[in-house]
Amino acid sequence: MTGIIESARVLLPVAITLVAPLLIWLNRANQNRREAVSFIAGGLTFASVLSLAPAVLAGNIWKYTLFDIMPGITVTFMADGLSLIFGLVASFLWMFATSYNIGYMRTLDEHAQTRYYVCFAVAIFGAEGVALSANVFTLYLFYEVITVFTYPLVAHHQDDEAFTGARKYIVYLMGTSKLFLLPAMVMTYVLLGHLDFALGDVTTGMFPPDVVAAHPLAVTITYVLYIAGIGKAALMPFHNWLPSAMVAPTPVSALLHAVAVVKAGVFCVCRIMLSGFGVTVMDQLNLGIPTAMVATFTLTAASFIALTKDDLKARLAYSTVAQLSYVVAGVALLTPMAVQGGMAHIAHHAFSKITLFFAAGAIYVATHLKKISLMDGLGRKMPWTFGAFSIGALSMIGMPPVCGFVSKWYIVNGALQAGQIIIFLAFMLSTILNAGYFVPVIYRAFFKEPRADDHHFHHYKEAPLTMVIPLCATGAISVLLGFYPALFMDFVRVFGKF
């Protein structure tokens, strides 16, 4: 039996991340103190989320209502197993991203660094708010905060290319949330009279049987609007903002792909499917398999597109589109193994993908190279960076002992549990395609001779330690999670009562 712990303690991660941007701005005249605020805030946020874990692992849920808007609509926070997966990942990686930011931004002498750090911190505030949302209204508020405050980060370079990418970013994400997510929220309120998620119950969700029986079409339309409205999950055809946003500085790409933005997207999809509609309603209205099919098409198509990209960040961007769909497909299959694998992949993908983007940024800072075809022999000059890149790539492919293998193993077996052979075969094809676009990068870096026309090759060396240490650490954690998957799987199991 799930116990509800009514306590304002669940507000602490949100409160810390709310204060951090102000302190960063107040220390704008001293860059050391400014960056120190991000480090300290990241550590305190992580500690505050972690302090909620023992009670959650014991089967309890933290909950606190901050204030009421109107009957059935409140700003309420809670922490369960799914909350802690996203909340812990976002706060923990914030610390590594801060170290990386220092090396990247200072080495390249980027402009508007205070604005950059403020917006970065507000994005984490939004991520923690999304993670701890107890209802659709609270989730929607913080979902939009992430969108608004990551726009300046995408447009950071303030040239035509940056503004074009940022415009597409805001149009896609704001457009989908206003056209689909907001109406879905309204329909939920009309049908139920409230917007509260079902806490501690992934079976029945927030839609009672009598409502489903009386309004099956309305409930189905509401579900479709939710899935279409969460553009941050990058399901096709609402995915193109993600590759376009690669005009941002590489640490922002890491934020988009691993820490806050897309993770908020797939987290919201998981929350809507499991705490919103529940396994029973999803199965009764046949919502799961069509969703899994859309995600399967997305991951297959994105993997083929990634093969064609010579720009390293563009290849990683389409890889992200594919990997996010593993999460969605896993949960949508509704079998115990697939759901567990999908939720675990939120964390496992985060550590591996941030390693890959950290490596891409380190390569650019050290060599100013972006094209894969120009990276022959570069692994000999940057062995730590390309070694960590190789670990992240193996995780994306799904090779043991890296953590991506664990979550993909669960998802693939879950497809067989569901009897979905076509989806199973698509997963296998995607794995082959993943190897097809990652292995050549590793091969070029370590086994090909340097290009004869690269006259700067002998001057290349590793990026600053403030960049190399974080990417090596996240790569090492990716391996650690492969050996000890229980670090996140325990939260998955307590959430779904598996």
Protein backbone atom coordinates (compact mmCIF):
# COMPACT_ATOMS: atom_id res chain seq x y z
CA MET A 1 0.00 0.00 0.00
CA THR A 2 1.43 3.37 -1.04
CA GLY A 3 1.82 5.89 1.74
CA ILE A 4 1.49 9.63 1.06
CA ILE A 5 3.89 11.86 2.99
CA GLU A 6 2.51 15.41 3.09
CA SER A 7 5.60 17.60 3.48
CA ALA A 8 6.98 20.86 2.07
CA ARG A 9 10.34 19.10 1.91
CA VAL A 10 9.47 18.04 -1.64
CA LEU A 11 9.68 21.73 -2.64
CA LEU A 12 13.36 22.04 -1.73
CA PRO A 13 14.87 21.03 -5.12
CA VAL A 14 12.59 23.51 -6.89
CA ALA A 15 13.36 26.24 -4.35
CA ILE A 16 17.13 25.83 -4.72
CA THR A 17 16.99 25.96 -8.50
CA LEU A 18 14.71 29.00 -8.30
CA VAL A 19 17.22 30.97 -6.20
CA ALA A 20 20.30 29.89 -8.18
CA PRO A 21 19.70 32.06 -11.31
CA LEU A 22 19.31 35.17 -9.13
CA LEU A 23 22.58 34.45 -7.29
CA ILE A 24 24.35 33.84 -10.60
CA TRP A 25 23.21 37.23 -11.85
CA LEU A 26 24.19 38.99 -8.61
CA ASN A 27 27.72 37.56 -8.97
CA ARG A 28 28.03 38.52 -12.63
CA ALA A 29 31.04 40.74 -11.99
CA ASN A 30 33.14 37.82 -10.72
CA GLN A 31 33.12 34.81 -13.03
CA ASN A 32 34.64 32.47 -10.44
CA ARG A 33 31.90 33.21 -7.92
CA ARG A 34 29.29 33.10 -10.68
CA GLU A 35 30.30 29.59 -11.74
CA ALA A 36 30.70 28.53 -8.11
CA VAL A 37 27.01 29.26 -7.58
CA SER A 38 26.13 26.73 -10.31
CA PHE A 39 28.36 24.10 -8.72
CA ILE A 40 26.94 24.64 -5.24
CA ALA A 41 23.35 24.82 -6.46
CA GLY A 42 23.82 21.61 -8.45
CA GLY A 43 25.23 19.81 -5.43
CA LEU A 44 22.49 21.07 -3.09
CA THR A 45 19.76 20.22 -5.58
CA PHE A 46 21.12 16.71 -6.05
CA ALA A 47 21.40 16.23 -2.29
CA SER A 48 17.84 17.48 -1.73
CA VAL A 49 16.43 15.11 -4.36
CA LEU A 50 18.52 12.24 -3.03
CA SER A 51 17.19 12.87 0.49
CA LEU A 52 13.72 11.96 -0.80
CA ALA A 53 14.92 8.58 -2.09
CA PRO A 54 14.79 6.40 1.08
CA ALA A 55 11.11 7.08 1.66
CA VAL A 56 10.31 6.56 -2.03
CA LEU A 57 12.22 3.27 -2.17
CA ALA A 58 10.23 2.19 0.90
CA GLY A 59 7.05 2.60 -1.16
CA ASN A 60 6.00 6.12 -0.13
CA ILE A 61 5.23 9.24 -2.16
CA TRP A 62 6.07 12.79 -1.08
CA LYS A 63 3.38 15.38 -1.80
CA TYR A 64 2.71 19.05 -1.08
CA THR A 65 0.18 21.53 -2.47
CA LEU A 66 1.65 25.01 -2.77
CA PHE A 67 -1.61 26.79 -3.63
CA ASP A 68 -4.99 26.33 -5.32
CA ILE A 69 -5.85 28.06 -8.59
CA MET A 70 -9.47 26.94 -8.76
CA PRO A 71 -11.40 23.78 -7.87
CA GLY A 72 -9.50 20.82 -9.32
CA ILE A 73 -6.51 22.90 -10.47
CA THR A 74 -3.59 23.30 -8.07
CA VAL A 75 0.16 23.81 -8.08
CA THR A 76 1.15 20.59 -6.37
CA PHE A 77 4.45 18.76 -6.16
CA MET A 78 5.20 15.13 -5.45
CA ALA A 79 8.07 12.68 -5.64
CA ASP A 80 7.75 9.04 -6.66
CA GLY A 81 10.12 6.62 -8.39
CA LEU A 82 9.71 8.17 -11.84
CA SER A 83 10.21 11.68 -10.40
CA LEU A 84 13.50 10.71 -8.83
CA ILE A 85 14.92 9.19 -12.01
CA PHE A 86 14.60 12.50 -13.85
CA GLY A 87 15.24 14.72 -10.83
CA LEU A 88 18.45 12.95 -9.84
CA VAL A 89 19.81 12.84 -13.38
CA ALA A 90 19.12 16.53 -14.09
CA SER A 91 20.68 17.81 -10.86
CA PHE A 92 23.67 15.44 -10.93
CA LEU A 93 24.58 16.23 -14.53
CA TRP A 94 24.21 19.96 -13.85
CA MET A 95 27.41 19.80 -11.81
CA PHE A 96 29.35 18.11 -14.61
CA ALA A 97 27.88 20.49 -17.18
CA THR A 98 29.04 23.48 -15.12
CA SER A 99 32.64 22.28 -15.14
CA TYR A 100 32.37 21.63 -18.85
CA ASN A 101 30.78 25.05 -19.43
CA ILE A 102 33.75 26.73 -17.75
CA GLY A 103 36.23 25.08 -20.10
CA TYR A 104 34.14 25.64 -23.21
CA MET A 105 32.94 29.19 -22.62
CA ARG A 106 36.22 30.57 -21.33
CA THR A 107 38.46 28.85 -23.88
CA LEU A 108 36.36 30.17 -26.77
CA ASP A 109 35.85 33.52 -24.98
CA GLU A 110 32.11 33.38 -25.61
CA HIS A 111 30.01 36.51 -25.12
CA ALA A 112 27.04 36.97 -22.75
CA GLN A 113 28.26 34.32 -20.33
CA THR A 114 26.15 35.54 -17.39
CA ARG A 115 22.97 35.36 -19.46
CA TYR A 116 24.07 31.91 -20.56
CA TYR A 117 24.54 30.61 -17.00
CA VAL A 118 21.29 32.20 -15.80
CA CYS A 119 19.27 30.58 -18.57
CA PHE A 120 21.05 27.27 -18.01
CA ALA A 121 20.08 27.36 -14.32
CA VAL A 122 16.45 28.30 -15.08
CA ALA A 123 16.27 25.33 -17.47
CA ILE A 124 17.26 23.06 -14.58
CA PHE A 125 14.60 24.77 -12.43
CA GLY A 126 12.07 23.85 -15.12
CA ALA A 127 13.37 20.28 -15.28
CA GLU A 128 13.09 19.78 -11.52
CA GLY A 129 9.60 21.29 -11.59
CA VAL A 130 8.53 18.89 -14.34
CA ALA A 131 10.03 15.94 -12.47
CA LEU A 132 8.15 16.77 -9.27
CA SER A 133 4.79 17.77 -10.80
CA ALA A 134 1.79 16.06 -9.22
CA ASN A 135 -0.71 17.14 -11.87
CA VAL A 136 -0.95 18.17 -15.50
CA PHE A 137 -1.25 21.89 -14.71
CA THR A 138 1.99 22.02 -12.70
CA LEU A 139 3.76 19.93 -15.31
CA TYR A 140 2.58 22.25 -18.09
CA LEU A 141 3.87 25.36 -16.26
CA PHE A 142 7.39 24.02 -15.87
CA TYR A 143 7.39 22.41 -19.32
CA GLU A 144 6.91 25.89 -20.80
CA VAL A 145 9.55 27.43 -18.51
CA ILE A 146 12.10 25.07 -20.06
CA THR A 147 11.07 26.09 -23.57
CA VAL A 148 11.20 29.84 -22.94
CA PHE A 149 14.56 29.89 -21.15
CA THR A 150 16.37 27.52 -23.50
CA TYR A 151 15.48 29.72 -26.50
CA PRO A 152 18.25 32.28 -25.65
CA LEU A 153 20.69 29.38 -25.30
CA VAL A 154 19.87 28.04 -28.76
CA ALA A 155 20.13 31.57 -30.20
CA HIS A 156 23.32 32.27 -28.20
CA HIS A 157 25.61 33.08 -31.16
CA GLN A 158 23.10 35.69 -32.38
CA ASP A 159 23.86 35.24 -36.09
CA ASP A 160 21.46 34.31 -38.88
CA GLU A 161 22.03 30.59 -38.47
CA ALA A 162 21.45 30.76 -34.71
CA PHE A 163 18.25 32.80 -35.01
CA THR A 164 16.91 30.48 -37.71
CA GLY A 165 17.53 27.40 -35.57
CA ALA A 166 16.11 29.10 -32.47
CA ARG A 167 13.02 30.24 -34.38
CA LYS A 168 12.31 26.69 -35.49
CA TYR A 169 12.94 25.52 -31.92
CA ILE A 170 10.40 27.89 -30.38
CA VAL A 171 7.80 27.44 -33.14
CA TYR A 172 7.87 23.66 -32.88
CA LEU A 173 7.83 23.46 -29.10
CA MET A 174 5.47 26.34 -28.38
CA GLY A 175 3.31 25.44 -31.36
CA THR A 176 2.77 21.84 -30.29
CA SER A 177 2.16 22.76 -26.65
CA LYS A 178 -0.41 25.42 -27.51
CA LEU A 179 -2.14 23.53 -30.33
CA PHE A 180 -2.26 20.11 -28.65
CA LEU A 181 -1.05 20.00 -25.04
CA LEU A 182 -3.18 22.88 -23.78
CA PRO A 183 -6.40 21.51 -25.38
CA ALA A 184 -5.57 18.07 -23.94
CA MET A 185 -5.39 19.64 -20.49
CA VAL A 186 -8.73 21.37 -21.02
CA MET A 187 -10.39 18.14 -22.19
CA THR A 188 -9.02 16.30 -19.15
CA TYR A 189 -10.53 18.90 -16.86
CA VAL A 190 -13.88 18.72 -18.66
CA LEU A 191 -13.95 14.93 -18.40
CA LEU A 192 -12.68 14.61 -14.82
CA GLY A 193 -13.09 17.96 -13.06
CA HIS A 194 -9.44 17.83 -11.97
CA LEU A 195 -5.93 17.39 -13.41
CA ASP A 196 -4.32 15.22 -10.71
CA PHE A 197 -2.16 12.26 -11.71
CA ALA A 198 -2.95 8.87 -10.20
CA LEU A 199 -0.29 8.47 -7.52
CA GLY A 200 1.16 5.04 -6.92
CA ASP A 201 -1.04 3.36 -9.54
CA VAL A 202 0.13 2.73 -13.11
CA THR A 203 -2.76 0.34 -13.72
CA THR A 204 -5.92 2.47 -13.73
CA GLY A 205 -4.50 5.98 -14.12
CA MET A 206 -6.56 9.13 -13.56
CA PHE A 207 -9.46 8.16 -15.86
CA PRO A 208 -12.01 6.01 -13.95
CA PRO A 209 -13.75 3.13 -15.78
CA ASP A 210 -17.12 4.89 -15.93
CA VAL A 211 -15.61 7.91 -17.72
CA VAL A 212 -13.76 5.67 -20.18
CA ALA A 213 -16.90 3.63 -20.83
CA ALA A 214 -19.06 6.74 -21.34
CA HIS A 215 -16.58 8.77 -23.44
CA PRO A 216 -14.09 6.40 -25.16
CA LEU A 217 -13.64 8.66 -28.19
CA ALA A 218 -13.08 11.77 -26.07
CA VAL A 219 -10.53 9.95 -23.91
CA THR A 220 -8.75 8.67 -27.03
CA ILE A 221 -8.64 12.15 -28.58
CA THR A 222 -7.31 13.55 -25.30
CA TYR A 223 -4.51 10.98 -25.32
CA VAL A 224 -3.55 11.73 -28.93
CA LEU A 225 -3.44 15.46 -28.13
CA TYR A 226 -1.12 14.82 -25.20
CA ILE A 227 1.33 12.76 -27.25
CA ALA A 228 1.30 15.27 -30.12
CA GLY A 229 1.62 18.17 -27.69
CA ILE A 230 4.81 16.95 -26.03
CA GLY A 231 7.08 18.09 -28.85
CA LYS A 232 10.16 17.74 -26.68
CA ALA A 233 9.90 13.95 -27.08
CA ALA A 234 10.85 14.54 -30.76
CA LEU A 235 8.49 11.95 -32.23
CA MET A 236 8.14 12.33 -35.98
CA PRO A 237 6.86 14.53 -37.53
CA PHE A 238 7.57 16.95 -34.62
CA HIS A 239 11.29 16.22 -34.45
CA ASN A 240 12.97 18.67 -36.80
CA TRP A 241 13.56 21.32 -34.13
CA LEU A 242 16.14 19.05 -32.52
CA PRO A 243 18.74 18.85 -35.31
CA SER A 244 18.13 22.56 -36.08
CA ALA A 245 18.93 23.47 -32.46
CA MET A 246 22.47 22.14 -32.93
CA VAL A 247 23.51 25.69 -33.89
CA ALA A 248 23.76 26.27 -30.14
CA PRO A 249 27.07 25.95 -28.25
CA THR A 250 27.88 22.30 -27.56
CA PRO A 251 27.18 22.51 -23.79
CA VAL A 252 23.68 23.67 -24.72
CA SER A 253 23.38 20.67 -27.02
CA ALA A 254 24.27 18.52 -24.03
CA LEU A 255 21.58 20.31 -21.99
CA LEU A 256 19.05 19.76 -24.79
CA HIS A 257 19.86 16.10 -25.31
CA ALA A 258 20.80 14.75 -21.92
CA VAL A 259 19.91 16.99 -18.99
CA ALA A 260 16.69 18.92 -19.39
CA VAL A 261 14.83 19.39 -22.65
CA VAL A 262 14.35 16.07 -24.40
CA LYS A 263 14.45 14.26 -21.07
CA ALA A 264 11.55 16.44 -19.97
CA GLY A 265 9.80 15.36 -23.17
CA VAL A 266 10.10 11.61 -22.71
CA PHE A 267 9.50 11.97 -18.97
CA CYS A 268 6.20 13.75 -19.71
CA VAL A 269 5.20 11.04 -22.17
CA CYS A 270 5.93 8.36 -19.55
CA ARG A 271 4.03 10.31 -16.90
CA ILE A 272 1.00 10.82 -19.17
CA MET A 273 0.90 7.18 -20.26
CA LEU A 274 1.44 5.62 -16.84
CA SER A 275 0.17 8.11 -14.23
CA GLY A 276 -2.33 9.76 -16.56
CA PHE A 277 -4.05 7.04 -18.53
CA GLY A 278 -2.67 3.89 -16.92
CA VAL A 279 -1.93 0.49 -18.42
CA THR A 280 -5.56 -0.71 -18.27
CA VAL A 281 -7.05 2.25 -20.15
CA MET A 282 -4.15 2.29 -22.64
CA ASP A 283 -4.80 -1.39 -23.38
CA GLN A 284 -8.60 -1.09 -23.36
CA LEU A 285 -8.61 1.75 -25.91
CA ASN A 286 -5.74 0.24 -27.92
CA LEU A 287 -3.52 3.29 -27.42
CA GLY A 288 -0.25 1.56 -26.61
CA ILE A 289 0.72 -0.35 -29.75
CA PRO A 290 -0.07 2.52 -32.19
CA THR A 291 2.11 4.80 -30.03
CA ALA A 292 4.86 2.18 -30.05
CA MET A 293 4.55 1.94 -33.85
CA VAL A 294 5.00 5.71 -34.26
CA ALA A 295 8.04 5.58 -31.98
CA THR A 296 9.43 2.58 -33.87
CA PHE A 297 9.08 4.39 -37.19
CA THR A 298 10.81 7.43 -35.66
CA LEU A 299 13.77 5.48 -34.31
CA THR A 300 14.25 3.60 -37.59
CA ALA A 301 13.97 6.65 -39.85
CA ALA A 302 16.18 8.79 -37.58
CA SER A 303 18.85 6.07 -37.56
CA PHE A 304 18.92 6.00 -41.37
CA ILE A 305 19.20 9.80 -41.50
CA ALA A 306 22.04 9.75 -38.96
CA LEU A 307 24.05 7.57 -41.36
CA THR A 308 24.07 10.40 -43.90
CA LYS A 309 25.39 13.14 -41.61
CA ASP A 310 29.06 14.11 -41.73
CA ASP A 311 28.69 16.83 -39.10
CA LEU A 312 29.30 15.13 -35.75
CA LYS A 313 26.67 17.08 -33.80
CA ALA A 314 24.08 16.51 -36.53
CA ARG A 315 24.74 12.76 -36.39
CA LEU A 316 24.39 12.83 -32.61
CA ALA A 317 21.17 14.84 -32.90
CA TYR A 318 19.46 12.24 -35.08
CA SER A 319 20.82 9.56 -32.77
CA THR A 320 18.98 11.33 -29.95
CA VAL A 321 15.74 11.37 -31.93
CA ALA A 322 16.09 7.60 -32.30
CA GLN A 323 17.08 6.90 -28.70
CA LEU A 324 14.20 8.94 -27.28
CA SER A 325 11.83 6.72 -29.22
CA TYR A 326 13.23 3.68 -27.43
CA VAL A 327 11.88 5.20 -24.21
CA VAL A 328 8.46 5.94 -25.73
CA ALA A 329 8.19 2.59 -27.51
CA GLY A 330 9.23 0.68 -24.40
CA VAL A 331 6.61 2.27 -22.17
CA ALA A 332 3.93 2.14 -24.90
CA LEU A 333 4.38 -1.62 -25.31
CA LEU A 334 2.87 -1.89 -21.78
CA THR A 335 4.63 -5.16 -20.89
CA PRO A 336 6.51 -5.18 -17.56
CA MET A 337 9.97 -5.64 -19.10
CA ALA A 338 9.45 -3.03 -21.82
CA VAL A 339 8.08 -0.43 -19.39
CA GLN A 340 11.00 -0.98 -17.02
CA GLY A 341 13.51 -0.73 -19.87
CA GLY A 342 11.89 2.41 -21.26
CA MET A 343 11.98 4.25 -17.94
CA ALA A 344 15.54 3.12 -17.15
CA HIS A 345 16.66 4.35 -20.58
CA ILE A 346 15.80 7.90 -19.51
CA ALA A 347 18.77 7.79 -17.13
CA HIS A 348 21.04 5.48 -19.09
CA HIS A 349 20.72 7.52 -22.28
CA ALA A 350 21.35 10.73 -20.34
CA PHE A 351 24.80 9.71 -19.08
CA SER A 352 25.90 8.19 -22.37
CA LYS A 353 24.60 10.95 -24.63
CA ILE A 354 26.04 13.76 -22.52
CA THR A 355 29.39 11.96 -22.82
CA LEU A 356 29.07 12.01 -26.61
CA PHE A 357 28.19 15.71 -26.76
CA PHE A 358 30.87 16.62 -24.24
CA ALA A 359 33.35 14.79 -26.48
CA ALA A 360 32.09 16.61 -29.59
CA GLY A 361 32.55 19.95 -27.85
CA ALA A 362 36.02 19.01 -26.62
CA ILE A 363 37.01 18.07 -30.17
CA TYR A 364 35.80 21.43 -31.44
CA VAL A 365 37.56 23.43 -28.71
CA ALA A 366 40.84 21.56 -29.27
CA THR A 367 40.81 21.38 -33.09
CA HIS A 368 37.86 23.47 -34.42
CA LEU A 369 36.83 20.40 -36.42
CA LYS A 370 33.15 19.51 -36.84
CA LYS A 371 33.17 17.05 -39.76
CA ILE A 372 33.68 13.37 -39.08
CA SER A 373 35.54 13.00 -42.38
CA LEU A 374 38.25 15.34 -41.06
CA MET A 375 38.93 13.43 -37.83
CA ASP A 376 41.32 10.77 -39.15
CA GLY A 377 43.89 9.80 -36.52
CA LEU A 378 42.55 12.30 -34.00
CA GLY A 379 42.16 9.63 -31.32
CA ARG A 380 45.95 9.45 -31.04
CA LYS A 381 46.07 13.09 -30.03
CA MET A 382 42.93 13.03 -27.86
CA PRO A 383 42.80 9.48 -26.44
CA TRP A 384 40.79 10.38 -23.33
CA THR A 385 38.16 12.25 -25.30
CA PHE A 386 37.75 9.58 -27.98
CA GLY A 387 37.97 6.81 -25.41
CA ALA A 388 35.00 8.31 -23.56
CA PHE A 389 33.25 8.88 -26.90
CA SER A 390 33.68 5.19 -27.67
CA ILE A 391 32.05 4.23 -24.36
CA GLY A 392 29.08 6.49 -25.07
CA ALA A 393 28.80 5.08 -28.59
CA LEU A 394 28.82 1.48 -27.35
CA SER A 395 26.03 2.38 -24.95
CA MET A 396 23.94 3.85 -27.78
CA ILE A 397 24.53 0.70 -29.84
CA GLY A 398 23.52 -1.43 -26.86
CA MET A 399 26.78 -3.29 -26.23
CA PRO A 400 27.60 -4.74 -22.81
CA PRO A 401 28.85 -3.83 -20.28
CA VAL A 402 27.71 -0.23 -20.87
CA CYS A 403 24.32 0.82 -19.44
CA GLY A 404 22.54 1.19 -22.79
CA PHE A 405 22.70 -2.59 -23.11
CA VAL A 406 20.66 -3.09 -19.93
CA SER A 407 17.72 -0.85 -20.83
CA LYS A 408 17.67 -2.03 -24.45
CA TRP A 409 17.73 -5.66 -23.28
CA TYR A 410 14.60 -5.02 -21.26
CA ILE A 411 12.89 -3.14 -24.10
CA VAL A 412 13.68 -5.78 -26.73
CA ASN A 413 12.51 -8.59 -24.48
CA GLY A 414 9.42 -6.55 -23.70
CA ALA A 415 8.61 -6.41 -27.42
CA LEU A 416 8.75 -10.20 -27.52
CA GLN A 417 6.58 -10.35 -24.39
CA ALA A 418 4.00 -8.27 -26.26
CA GLY A 419 4.26 -10.51 -29.32
CA GLN A 420 5.28 -7.53 -31.48
CA ILE A 421 7.71 -9.17 -33.90
CA ILE A 422 7.79 -6.20 -36.31
CA ILE A 423 8.76 -3.85 -33.50
CA PHE A 424 11.34 -6.36 -32.29
CA LEU A 425 12.88 -6.54 -35.77
CA ALA A 426 12.90 -2.74 -35.99
CA PHE A 427 14.83 -2.62 -32.71
CA MET A 428 17.36 -5.06 -34.13
CA LEU A 429 17.70 -3.05 -37.35
CA SER A 430 18.17 0.15 -35.37
CA THR A 431 20.97 -1.47 -33.38
CA ILE A 432 22.76 -2.35 -36.62
CA LEU A 433 22.25 1.19 -37.91
CA ASN A 434 23.56 2.61 -34.61
CA ALA A 435 26.74 0.62 -35.12
CA GLY A 436 26.82 1.83 -38.72
CA TYR A 437 27.02 5.49 -37.76
CA PHE A 438 29.11 5.24 -34.58
CA VAL A 439 31.78 2.64 -35.35
CA PRO A 440 33.19 4.57 -38.36
CA VAL A 441 33.82 7.57 -36.11
CA ILE A 442 35.81 5.42 -33.68
CA TYR A 443 37.64 3.67 -36.51
CA ARG A 444 38.66 6.96 -38.13
CA ALA A 445 39.90 8.40 -34.87
CA PHE A 446 42.04 5.46 -33.76
CA PHE A 447 42.95 3.42 -36.83
CA LYS A 448 43.21 5.74 -39.85
CA GLU A 449 46.34 7.71 -40.66
CA PRO A 450 46.13 11.49 -40.18
CA ARG A 451 45.19 13.44 -43.29
CA ALA A 452 48.22 14.66 -45.26
CA ASP A 453 46.60 18.08 -45.74
CA ASP A 454 45.99 18.62 -42.01
CA HIS A 455 49.03 20.75 -41.22
CA HIS A 456 47.83 21.45 -37.68
CA PHE A 457 47.60 17.80 -36.65
CA HIS A 458 50.84 17.73 -34.66
CA HIS A 459 49.65 20.69 -32.58
CA TYR A 460 46.39 19.08 -31.50
CA LYS A 461 46.00 18.06 -27.88
CA GLU A 462 43.26 17.34 -25.36
CA ALA A 463 40.84 20.11 -24.44
CA PRO A 464 41.14 21.77 -20.98
CA LEU A 465 40.82 19.47 -17.98
CA THR A 466 37.60 21.21 -16.94
CA MET A 467 36.12 19.62 -20.07
CA VAL A 468 37.96 16.30 -20.23
CA ILE A 469 37.34 15.31 -16.61
CA PRO A 470 33.52 15.62 -16.84
CA LEU A 471 33.31 13.66 -20.09
CA CYS A 472 35.53 10.90 -18.72
CA ALA A 473 33.48 10.82 -15.51
CA THR A 474 30.14 10.51 -17.31
CA GLY A 475 31.64 7.82 -19.54
CA ALA A 476 32.81 5.92 -16.47
CA ILE A 477 29.38 6.26 -14.86
CA SER A 478 27.83 4.81 -18.04
CA VAL A 479 29.93 1.69 -17.49
CA LEU A 480 29.18 1.65 -13.75
CA LEU A 481 25.44 1.72 -14.48
CA GLY A 482 25.95 -1.22 -16.82
CA PHE A 483 27.42 -3.28 -13.98
CA TYR A 484 25.04 -1.92 -11.31
CA PRO A 485 21.76 -1.12 -13.09
CA ALA A 486 19.87 -1.34 -9.79
CA LEU A 487 20.94 2.28 -9.10
CA PHE A 488 18.01 3.40 -11.26
CA MET A 489 16.10 0.17 -11.79
CA ASP A 490 15.09 0.19 -8.11
CA PHE A 491 13.24 3.47 -8.69
CA VAL A 492 11.61 1.98 -11.78
CA ARG A 493 10.42 -1.07 -9.88
CA VAL A 494 9.05 0.80 -6.89
CA PHE A 495 7.18 3.17 -9.22
CA GLY A 496 5.49 0.44 -11.23
CA LYS A 497 5.26 -2.11 -8.41
CA PHE A 498 7.12 -4.55 -10.66
